[in-house]
Amino acid sequence: MATKNGALTAKELTHCAMLGALFYIVFHMFANLLYVEAITFSIFVCAQVFSRKEVVMACALTGLLQLLFHGFMPWNVAYALIFPGYALWFATLKKAVKKHEWIAWINGAIAALFLGQLVDLPFILFDKKLTILYILMGLKTSIIQAGIVFLEFVFLYDPFVRALKKIVRSGNR
C-alpha cells in the first residue's frame, strides 16, 4: 500500500491522522474516570485492523498532541513513548489473536496494568525513592484498571473489531 520509496499514501496518512485524533480523544474522555481506561483497548483494536505503520504513526501523533496541548512533562513524554510501543506490541500479535481471541484479552490487561507503572518511571530522573513510592501507590489502581480492561476486551473486543473491519471494507470500495 505504501509507495515505492516507503512514503505513505494519502489514504494511509488520512488513517494515521484520524486514528491519532481518535486515540487522543479516547485517552482524554476516560482520563478522569478512576479505574476506567480505554486507550489500550482502542490501540489494540486498531492494531488488529490497520497496518502496523499506520497505528504506530497514529500513536506517535497522539503522543505529540499530548505534548503540544499539555506540556513537556515527564508523564507526557512517557505517553509519547509508551503508546507507539504498545502499537508495535499489539500489531505483532495480529496472527495469534486471529486464532485465539483470549490472547487479546490477556495482553490488553497486562498492557493496562503496566501503563500506569510505566508512566511513573520518568520520575526516577528526580528521585529513585519517589519513583518507587509512586509505583507502589499506583499498583492497586493499576491492578483494578487491568481487571476492568480485561472485561472490556472480553465483552467488546470482537464486536469492535468486526465493526471496524466492516467500516474499513466499505471505505475501500
Protein backbone atom coordinates (compact mmCIF):
# COMPACT_ATOMS: atom_id res chain seq x y z
CA MET A 1 0.00 0.00 0.00
CA ALA A 2 2.92 2.34 0.58
CA THR A 3 4.63 3.94 -2.35
CA LYS A 4 7.87 2.55 -3.81
CA ASN A 5 10.07 4.87 -1.76
CA GLY A 6 8.33 3.89 1.50
CA ALA A 7 6.32 7.12 1.83
CA LEU A 8 2.76 6.89 2.99
CA THR A 9 -0.09 7.19 0.55
CA ALA A 10 -2.78 9.81 1.04
CA LYS A 11 -5.12 7.11 2.33
CA GLU A 12 -2.56 5.91 4.90
CA LEU A 13 -1.87 9.48 6.03
CA THR A 14 -5.60 10.01 6.47
CA HIS A 15 -5.85 6.82 8.53
CA CYS A 16 -2.93 8.00 10.70
CA ALA A 17 -4.49 11.42 11.26
CA MET A 18 -7.95 10.03 12.04
CA LEU A 19 -6.63 7.33 14.36
CA GLY A 20 -4.26 9.75 16.11
CA ALA A 21 -7.11 12.16 16.80
CA LEU A 22 -9.37 9.28 17.89
CA PHE A 23 -6.73 7.95 20.31
CA TYR A 24 -6.21 11.42 21.77
CA ILE A 25 -9.96 11.89 22.28
CA VAL A 26 -10.45 8.42 23.78
CA PHE A 27 -7.49 8.94 26.11
CA HIS A 28 -8.93 12.18 27.46
CA MET A 29 -12.55 11.03 27.55
CA PHE A 30 -11.65 8.42 30.14
CA ALA A 31 -8.74 10.20 31.87
CA ASN A 32 -10.86 11.47 34.75
CA LEU A 33 -12.75 8.24 35.39
CA LEU A 34 -10.90 6.33 38.07
CA TYR A 35 -10.01 2.77 37.03
CA VAL A 36 -11.55 3.13 33.55
CA GLU A 37 -9.08 3.27 30.68
CA ALA A 38 -9.93 2.78 27.01
CA ILE A 39 -6.78 3.84 25.16
CA THR A 40 -5.20 0.38 25.47
CA PHE A 41 -8.36 -1.21 24.07
CA SER A 42 -8.57 1.34 21.23
CA ILE A 43 -4.95 0.90 20.19
CA PHE A 44 -5.27 -2.89 20.34
CA VAL A 45 -8.42 -2.99 18.21
CA CYS A 46 -6.94 -0.65 15.59
CA ALA A 47 -3.68 -2.62 15.54
CA GLN A 48 -5.69 -5.68 14.52
CA VAL A 49 -7.42 -3.87 11.65
CA PHE A 50 -4.96 -1.30 10.29
CA SER A 51 -1.35 -1.73 9.23
CA ARG A 52 1.41 -1.62 11.82
CA LYS A 53 2.84 1.55 10.28
CA GLU A 54 -0.50 3.36 10.43
CA VAL A 55 -1.19 2.51 14.04
CA VAL A 56 2.35 3.25 15.26
CA MET A 57 2.34 6.62 13.48
CA ALA A 58 -1.14 7.39 14.84
CA CYS A 59 0.12 6.66 18.36
CA ALA A 60 3.14 8.88 17.76
CA LEU A 61 0.75 11.63 16.66
CA THR A 62 -1.30 11.10 19.83
CA GLY A 63 1.86 11.45 21.90
CA LEU A 64 2.79 14.60 20.01
CA LEU A 65 -0.67 16.07 20.58
CA GLN A 66 -0.38 15.24 24.27
CA LEU A 67 2.97 17.05 24.44
CA LEU A 68 1.74 20.07 22.47
CA PHE A 69 -1.52 20.54 24.36
CA HIS A 70 -0.44 19.51 27.86
CA GLY A 71 3.22 20.43 28.06
CA PHE A 72 6.59 18.77 28.04
CA MET A 73 6.17 16.94 31.34
CA PRO A 74 7.71 13.58 32.26
CA TRP A 75 4.39 11.71 32.10
CA ASN A 76 3.52 13.23 28.71
CA VAL A 77 6.91 12.18 27.34
CA ALA A 78 6.20 8.72 28.75
CA TYR A 79 2.87 8.57 26.90
CA ALA A 80 4.61 9.66 23.70
CA LEU A 81 6.93 6.65 24.05
CA ILE A 82 4.51 4.09 25.52
CA PHE A 83 1.66 4.42 23.01
CA PRO A 84 3.77 3.72 19.87
CA GLY A 85 5.47 0.89 21.77
CA TYR A 86 2.09 -0.60 22.61
CA ALA A 87 1.04 -0.26 18.95
CA LEU A 88 4.12 -2.23 17.87
CA TRP A 89 3.46 -4.87 20.53
CA PHE A 90 -0.22 -5.25 19.62
CA ALA A 91 0.44 -5.34 15.88
CA THR A 92 2.84 -8.27 16.33
CA LEU A 93 0.01 -10.25 17.89
CA LYS A 94 -2.28 -9.99 14.85
CA LYS A 95 -1.91 -13.61 13.66
CA ALA A 96 -2.06 -15.12 17.14
CA VAL A 97 -5.17 -13.13 18.07
CA LYS A 98 -6.97 -14.29 14.91
CA LYS A 99 -6.56 -17.88 16.15
CA HIS A 100 -7.12 -17.25 19.86
CA GLU A 101 -9.05 -14.17 20.95
CA TRP A 102 -8.11 -14.71 24.61
CA ILE A 103 -4.57 -13.60 23.70
CA ALA A 104 -6.02 -10.13 23.11
CA TRP A 105 -7.76 -10.20 26.49
CA ILE A 106 -4.62 -11.18 28.41
CA ASN A 107 -2.28 -8.80 26.57
CA GLY A 108 -4.75 -5.92 26.92
CA ALA A 109 -4.98 -6.46 30.67
CA ILE A 110 -1.19 -6.70 31.01
CA ALA A 111 -0.74 -3.51 28.97
CA ALA A 112 -3.32 -1.69 31.13
CA LEU A 113 -1.57 -2.92 34.29
CA PHE A 114 1.78 -1.59 33.13
CA LEU A 115 0.54 1.70 31.64
CA GLY A 116 0.33 3.47 34.98
CA GLN A 117 3.56 1.90 36.17
CA LEU A 118 5.47 2.90 33.03
CA VAL A 119 4.23 6.48 33.24
CA ASP A 120 5.79 6.74 36.71
CA LEU A 121 9.25 5.61 35.52
CA PRO A 122 10.47 9.04 34.29
CA PHE A 123 10.32 10.27 37.87
CA ILE A 124 13.40 8.16 38.51
CA LEU A 125 15.29 11.10 36.98
CA PHE A 126 14.32 13.11 40.05
CA ASP A 127 14.41 10.59 42.87
CA LYS A 128 14.58 6.80 42.97
CA LYS A 129 12.66 6.58 46.26
CA LEU A 130 9.91 8.85 44.96
CA THR A 131 9.55 6.70 41.85
CA ILE A 132 9.27 3.51 43.89
CA LEU A 133 6.67 5.20 46.12
CA TYR A 134 4.64 6.31 43.08
CA ILE A 135 4.76 2.82 41.58
CA LEU A 136 3.71 1.14 44.83
CA MET A 137 0.93 3.65 45.49
CA GLY A 138 -0.37 3.25 41.96
CA LEU A 139 -0.24 -0.55 41.97
CA LYS A 140 -3.72 -1.01 43.49
CA THR A 141 -5.21 1.33 40.90
CA SER A 142 -3.32 -0.40 38.08
CA ILE A 143 -4.49 -3.86 39.17
CA ILE A 144 -8.14 -2.77 39.28
CA GLN A 145 -7.69 -0.97 35.95
CA ALA A 146 -6.25 -4.14 34.40
CA GLY A 147 -9.29 -6.10 35.57
CA ILE A 148 -11.67 -3.58 34.04
CA VAL A 149 -9.73 -3.53 30.77
CA PHE A 150 -9.81 -7.33 30.74
CA LEU A 151 -13.62 -7.13 30.93
CA GLU A 152 -13.64 -4.50 28.16
CA PHE A 153 -11.78 -6.98 25.97
CA VAL A 154 -13.97 -9.95 26.89
CA PHE A 155 -17.20 -8.16 26.07
CA LEU A 156 -16.24 -5.54 23.47
CA TYR A 157 -13.20 -6.78 21.53
CA ASP A 158 -14.93 -8.97 18.93
CA PRO A 159 -17.83 -6.59 18.17
CA PHE A 160 -15.47 -3.62 17.82
CA VAL A 161 -13.03 -5.46 15.53
CA ARG A 162 -15.86 -6.74 13.32
CA ALA A 163 -17.45 -3.27 13.11
CA LEU A 164 -14.13 -1.57 12.34
CA LYS A 165 -13.27 -4.12 9.65
CA LYS A 166 -16.67 -3.54 8.07
CA ILE A 167 -16.13 0.24 8.10
CA VAL A 168 -12.67 -0.14 6.54
CA ARG A 169 -14.02 -2.52 3.85
CA SER A 170 -16.82 -0.12 2.96
CA GLY A 171 -14.25 2.67 2.58
CA ASN A 172 -12.16 0.57 0.17
CA ARG A 173 -14.89 0.33 -2.46
